[in-house]
Amino acid sequence: MSILDNDRLRSVLPNNVVVPYDPTRVKDASYELSLGNEYFTTDLPDGIKVIIEPGNQVVIKPGQFALLITKETVTIPDNVLAFISIKASIKFRGLVNVSGFHVDPGFTGKLKFAVYNAGSKDIVLDWEQRLFPMWLCKLTSPNEKYDGIHNHQASISSDDVSRINGEILSPSVLSKKIDDLANTRIKELEKLVGVVQTQKSIILTIVGSILLLALGILANTFFNSPNFGIWQKQTAFESNINGISIRSEKQDEVIKDLEKRVNEVERKTGSSATNTNTKTALGK
């Protein structure tokens, strides 16, 4: 198997291999196929394909799949295998080809591409923009011609749309939805905590009021009970007894002080009498 170079492509492609054919699109041993006038993306609100008017564009949002179709119709000879891709300048923006990468020998029709925007920004494509390089490889011998369901396809069918229909959430959209949901749950929890704290305050206030009321009732009952009168009398009696004891102790101290002074006087008086008797006995 050998890849056809530019010269071989220019000699083979005009023979109804690519229709319409433009010799300026032969480049780097490939032919650059262009974007056709139909497309479908998974975020379209109506869920149907769009026909591109001349001068309009295709927008593929981040995280969305799209179906694209070539403007050209190709007819691959039975002794040739074609390889297809997306131009690197578009792939670097995040557009990924998730469909087939080759065209079978003997296939006739427009080529469809299922692509996915793995980037973080919208990918904008122009109608008839050169997007899809195609290489032709000559086989060592002719191969059985392709006769599958895609042969002679000329447009994006309803079956194609049905297979990928439905909006797909991109990682960034999912992240935002998760953040929004988390923030909502946090606000709900904060609100619930506020309600619980309010209820707790109300319950504590009620319990405190009940306790104070109960203490008041107990105090009133106690102060108005006969036992409280007895307790008051007993307390007064004990206070009087303590007072008497204190006064008795003070009287004892006074008496002891008086006795001390009397003894002192007697001592001094006795000493004086003794001195007088001594002088008399000596004849003084």
Protein backbone atom coordinates (compact mmCIF):
# COMPACT_ATOMS: atom_id res chain seq x y z
CA MET A 1 0.00 0.00 0.00
CA SER A 2 1.35 3.42 -0.96
CA ILE A 3 0.10 6.98 -0.31
CA LEU A 4 -0.58 9.06 -3.41
CA ASP A 5 1.52 12.21 -3.66
CA ASN A 6 0.31 15.59 -4.93
CA ASP A 7 0.97 14.78 -8.59
CA ARG A 8 -0.84 11.45 -8.42
CA LEU A 9 -3.75 13.14 -6.62
CA ARG A 10 -4.05 15.77 -9.33
CA SER A 11 -4.22 13.02 -11.92
CA VAL A 12 -6.73 10.83 -10.05
CA LEU A 13 -9.10 13.21 -8.27
CA PRO A 14 -10.56 14.98 -11.32
CA ASN A 15 -11.93 11.64 -12.55
CA ASN A 16 -15.08 12.08 -10.45
CA VAL A 17 -13.23 11.03 -7.28
CA VAL A 18 -14.02 14.44 -5.73
CA VAL A 19 -16.98 16.53 -6.95
CA PRO A 20 -16.66 19.49 -7.12
CA TYR A 21 -12.92 19.36 -7.54
CA ASP A 22 -10.56 22.30 -6.93
CA PRO A 23 -6.86 21.72 -7.79
CA THR A 24 -5.81 24.41 -5.26
CA ARG A 25 -6.99 22.14 -2.46
CA VAL A 26 -4.35 19.50 -3.16
CA LYS A 27 -1.83 20.06 -0.37
CA ASP A 28 0.71 17.93 1.52
CA ALA A 29 -0.32 14.71 -0.24
CA SER A 30 -3.95 15.30 0.76
CA TYR A 31 -7.09 16.94 -0.54
CA GLU A 32 -8.86 19.46 1.76
CA LEU A 33 -12.60 18.80 1.82
CA SER A 34 -14.89 21.65 2.94
CA LEU A 35 -17.84 22.07 5.31
CA GLY A 36 -21.23 21.49 3.68
CA ASN A 37 -24.50 23.35 4.21
CA GLU A 38 -26.01 21.12 6.96
CA TYR A 39 -25.17 20.56 10.59
CA PHE A 40 -26.67 19.44 13.87
CA THR A 41 -25.52 20.12 17.46
CA THR A 42 -26.85 18.45 20.61
CA ASP A 43 -27.86 21.77 22.19
CA LEU A 44 -30.27 22.84 19.43
CA PRO A 45 -33.64 23.56 21.09
CA ASP A 46 -35.73 22.05 18.28
CA GLY A 47 -33.67 18.87 17.99
CA ILE A 48 -33.47 19.07 14.21
CA LYS A 49 -30.65 19.76 11.78
CA VAL A 50 -29.93 23.25 10.48
CA ILE A 51 -29.46 24.29 6.87
CA ILE A 52 -26.64 26.82 6.59
CA GLU A 53 -27.35 29.80 4.42
CA PRO A 54 -24.41 31.21 2.42
CA GLY A 55 -22.26 33.36 4.67
CA ASN A 56 -23.60 31.81 7.91
CA GLN A 57 -21.63 29.91 10.52
CA VAL A 58 -21.77 26.82 12.71
CA VAL A 59 -21.29 27.24 16.47
CA ILE A 60 -20.33 24.21 18.56
CA LYS A 61 -20.43 24.99 22.28
CA PRO A 62 -18.08 23.42 24.86
CA GLY A 63 -19.11 19.90 25.81
CA GLN A 64 -21.49 19.47 22.85
CA PHE A 65 -21.50 16.95 20.01
CA ALA A 66 -22.16 17.93 16.41
CA LEU A 67 -22.77 16.26 13.06
CA LEU A 68 -21.04 17.85 10.08
CA ILE A 69 -21.11 16.90 6.42
CA THR A 70 -18.79 17.67 3.52
CA LYS A 71 -19.76 19.85 0.60
CA GLU A 72 -18.03 17.44 -1.78
CA THR A 73 -19.18 14.03 -2.87
CA VAL A 74 -16.37 11.48 -3.05
CA THR A 75 -16.12 8.24 -5.00
CA ILE A 76 -13.29 6.05 -3.77
CA PRO A 77 -11.88 3.61 -6.34
CA ASP A 78 -12.00 -0.07 -5.40
CA ASN A 79 -8.21 -0.22 -5.31
CA VAL A 80 -7.88 2.79 -2.96
CA LEU A 81 -8.42 3.29 0.78
CA ALA A 82 -8.98 6.87 1.97
CA PHE A 83 -8.01 8.30 5.36
CA ILE A 84 -9.77 11.39 6.75
CA SER A 85 -9.17 13.78 9.64
CA ILE A 86 -9.73 17.36 10.86
CA LYS A 87 -7.21 20.12 10.24
CA ALA A 88 -4.80 20.57 13.15
CA SER A 89 -5.62 24.26 13.58
CA ILE A 90 -9.21 23.28 14.43
CA LYS A 91 -8.25 20.27 16.56
CA PHE A 92 -6.00 22.48 18.70
CA ARG A 93 -9.13 24.49 19.60
CA GLY A 94 -10.65 21.33 21.04
CA LEU A 95 -12.65 19.83 18.17
CA VAL A 96 -12.31 16.04 18.26
CA ASN A 97 -13.38 13.61 15.54
CA VAL A 98 -15.26 10.76 17.23
CA SER A 99 -16.47 9.05 14.06
CA GLY A 100 -14.52 6.92 11.56
CA PHE A 101 -11.07 7.78 10.24
CA HIS A 102 -11.18 6.01 6.88
CA VAL A 103 -13.38 5.61 3.80
CA ASP A 104 -13.84 2.14 2.37
CA PRO A 105 -12.88 1.26 -1.21
CA GLY A 106 -15.86 1.67 -3.53
CA PHE A 107 -17.75 4.13 -1.26
CA THR A 108 -19.72 6.93 -2.96
CA GLY A 109 -21.34 9.88 -1.18
CA LYS A 110 -20.75 12.82 1.08
CA LEU A 111 -18.71 12.25 4.24
CA LYS A 112 -20.20 12.78 7.68
CA PHE A 113 -18.18 13.69 10.77
CA ALA A 114 -19.35 13.26 14.35
CA VAL A 115 -17.31 15.72 16.40
CA TYR A 116 -17.08 16.84 20.02
CA ASN A 117 -15.97 20.20 21.43
CA ALA A 118 -13.58 19.25 24.22
CA GLY A 119 -12.38 22.84 24.60
CA SER A 120 -13.54 25.61 26.94
CA LYS A 121 -14.78 28.01 24.25
CA ASP A 122 -17.23 27.99 21.37
CA ILE A 123 -15.85 26.65 18.09
CA VAL A 124 -17.12 28.67 15.13
CA LEU A 125 -16.91 27.24 11.61
CA ASP A 126 -17.70 28.87 8.27
CA TRP A 127 -19.69 27.32 5.47
CA GLU A 128 -17.34 25.92 2.81
CA GLN A 129 -14.38 26.27 5.19
CA ARG A 130 -11.56 23.82 4.43
CA LEU A 131 -11.71 21.44 7.38
CA PHE A 132 -11.18 17.81 6.42
CA PRO A 133 -7.93 16.58 4.81
CA MET A 134 -8.22 13.28 2.91
CA TRP A 135 -5.34 11.00 1.94
CA LEU A 136 -5.59 8.26 -0.70
CA CYS A 137 -3.65 5.04 -0.33
CA LYS A 138 -3.39 2.68 -3.29
CA LEU A 139 -3.92 -0.97 -2.41
CA THR A 140 -1.80 -3.79 -3.82
CA SER A 141 -4.91 -5.14 -5.55
CA PRO A 142 -8.55 -4.09 -6.03
CA ASN A 143 -10.79 -4.66 -3.04
CA GLU A 144 -14.42 -5.64 -2.76
CA LYS A 145 -16.53 -2.51 -3.18
CA TYR A 146 -18.34 -1.01 -0.18
CA ASP A 147 -22.07 -1.70 -0.17
CA GLY A 148 -23.13 -0.53 3.32
CA ILE A 149 -26.01 1.65 4.51
CA HIS A 150 -23.97 4.86 4.18
CA ASN A 151 -23.33 4.41 0.48
CA HIS A 152 -24.68 7.28 -1.62
CA GLN A 153 -25.48 9.37 1.49
CA ALA A 154 -26.07 13.02 0.59
CA SER A 155 -27.37 14.64 3.81
CA ILE A 156 -27.67 14.35 7.58
CA SER A 157 -30.61 11.99 8.13
CA SER A 158 -33.17 11.86 10.93
CA ASP A 159 -31.59 8.61 12.12
CA ASP A 160 -28.23 10.40 12.43
CA VAL A 161 -29.84 13.11 14.55
CA SER A 162 -31.76 10.62 16.71
CA ARG A 163 -28.59 8.77 17.60
CA ILE A 164 -27.00 11.79 19.31
CA ASN A 165 -30.04 13.97 20.07
CA GLY A 166 -30.32 15.52 23.54
CA GLU A 167 -28.30 18.27 25.18
CA ILE A 168 -25.10 17.11 26.81
CA LEU A 169 -23.79 19.00 29.81
CA SER A 170 -20.16 20.01 29.49
CA PRO A 171 -17.79 19.64 32.47
CA SER A 172 -17.88 23.41 33.02
CA VAL A 173 -21.69 23.46 32.93
CA LEU A 174 -21.83 20.46 35.25
CA SER A 175 -19.39 22.16 37.62
CA LYS A 176 -21.53 25.29 37.65
CA LYS A 177 -24.70 23.28 38.25
CA ILE A 178 -23.00 21.42 41.11
CA ASP A 179 -21.81 24.72 42.62
CA ASP A 180 -25.29 26.22 42.29
CA LEU A 181 -26.85 23.15 43.88
CA ALA A 182 -24.29 23.19 46.70
CA ASN A 183 -24.91 26.90 47.34
CA THR A 184 -28.66 26.27 47.39
CA ARG A 185 -28.25 23.42 49.86
CA ILE A 186 -25.96 25.56 52.05
CA LYS A 187 -28.53 28.37 52.11
CA GLU A 188 -31.26 25.87 52.98
CA LEU A 189 -29.13 24.45 55.80
CA GLU A 190 -28.33 27.94 57.09
CA LYS A 191 -32.03 28.76 57.06
CA LEU A 192 -32.82 25.49 58.84
CA VAL A 193 -30.10 26.18 61.45
CA GLY A 194 -31.58 29.64 62.00
CA VAL A 195 -35.04 28.13 62.53
CA VAL A 196 -33.62 25.53 64.94
CA GLN A 197 -31.75 28.21 66.91
CA THR A 198 -34.90 30.33 67.12
CA GLN A 199 -36.91 27.33 68.30
CA LYS A 200 -34.18 26.53 70.81
CA SER A 201 -34.29 30.08 72.19
CA ILE A 202 -38.07 29.92 72.45
CA ILE A 203 -37.92 26.55 74.21
CA LEU A 204 -35.24 27.79 76.64
CA THR A 205 -37.30 30.89 77.38
CA ILE A 206 -40.39 28.79 78.03
CA VAL A 207 -38.47 26.33 80.22
CA GLY A 208 -36.84 29.20 82.13
CA SER A 209 -40.21 30.83 82.68
CA ILE A 210 -41.68 27.53 83.90
CA LEU A 211 -38.76 27.03 86.31
CA LEU A 212 -39.08 30.55 87.68
CA LEU A 213 -42.83 30.07 88.08
CA ALA A 214 -42.27 26.76 89.82
CA LEU A 215 -39.68 28.29 92.16
CA GLY A 216 -42.05 31.14 92.90
CA ILE A 217 -44.84 28.73 93.74
CA LEU A 218 -42.51 26.65 95.94
CA ALA A 219 -41.23 29.75 97.70
CA ASN A 220 -44.74 31.08 98.27
CA THR A 221 -45.88 27.69 99.54
CA PHE A 222 -42.90 27.44 101.89
CA PHE A 223 -43.18 30.98 103.27
CA ASN A 224 -46.90 30.53 103.91
CA SER A 225 -46.53 27.10 105.48
CA PRO A 226 -46.55 26.42 109.28
CA ASN A 227 -43.08 24.98 108.98
CA PHE A 228 -41.76 28.36 107.83
CA GLY A 229 -43.23 29.98 111.00
CA ILE A 230 -41.60 27.34 113.17
CA TRP A 231 -38.35 27.81 111.28
CA GLN A 232 -38.54 31.60 111.83
CA LYS A 233 -39.20 31.13 115.59
CA GLN A 234 -36.41 28.59 115.87
CA THR A 235 -34.05 30.93 114.05
CA ALA A 236 -35.03 33.83 116.33
CA PHE A 237 -34.65 31.66 119.44
CA GLU A 238 -31.21 30.49 118.32
CA SER A 239 -30.29 34.11 117.64
CA ASN A 240 -31.42 35.13 121.13
CA ILE A 241 -29.53 32.25 122.70
CA ASN A 242 -26.42 33.26 120.78
CA GLY A 243 -26.92 36.83 121.95
CA ILE A 244 -27.27 35.77 125.56
CA SER A 245 -24.17 33.62 125.28
CA ILE A 246 -22.22 36.53 123.87
CA ARG A 247 -23.42 38.82 126.68
CA SER A 248 -22.64 36.17 129.31
CA GLU A 249 -19.14 35.80 127.94
CA LYS A 250 -18.66 39.57 128.12
CA GLN A 251 -19.96 39.66 131.74
CA ASP A 252 -17.56 36.89 132.67
CA GLU A 253 -14.75 38.94 131.20
CA VAL A 254 -15.85 42.02 133.22
CA ILE A 255 -16.10 39.98 136.43
CA LYS A 256 -12.68 38.49 135.87
CA ASP A 257 -11.29 41.96 135.26
CA LEU A 258 -12.87 43.24 138.51
CA GLU A 259 -11.51 40.29 140.45
CA LYS A 260 -8.10 40.97 139.03
CA ARG A 261 -8.24 44.60 140.12
CA VAL A 262 -9.52 43.67 143.65
CA ASN A 263 -6.71 41.21 144.05
CA GLU A 264 -4.27 43.88 142.97
CA VAL A 265 -5.67 46.33 145.53
CA GLU A 266 -5.63 43.73 148.29
CA ARG A 267 -2.08 42.86 147.42
CA LYS A 268 -1.00 46.45 147.62
CA THR A 269 -2.96 47.06 150.87
CA GLY A 270 -1.49 44.01 152.55
CA SER A 271 2.00 45.10 151.60
CA SER A 272 1.51 48.54 153.19
CA ALA A 273 0.19 47.07 156.46
CA THR A 274 3.15 44.79 156.71
CA ASN A 275 5.59 47.69 156.35
CA THR A 276 3.80 49.66 159.12
CA ASN A 277 3.94 46.80 161.61
CA THR A 278 7.60 46.31 160.96
CA LYS A 279 8.42 49.93 161.70
CA THR A 280 6.43 49.82 164.95
CA ALA A 281 8.21 46.71 166.13
CA LEU A 282 11.59 48.35 165.59
CA GLY A 283 10.60 51.38 167.66
CA LYS A 284 10.77 53.76 164.82
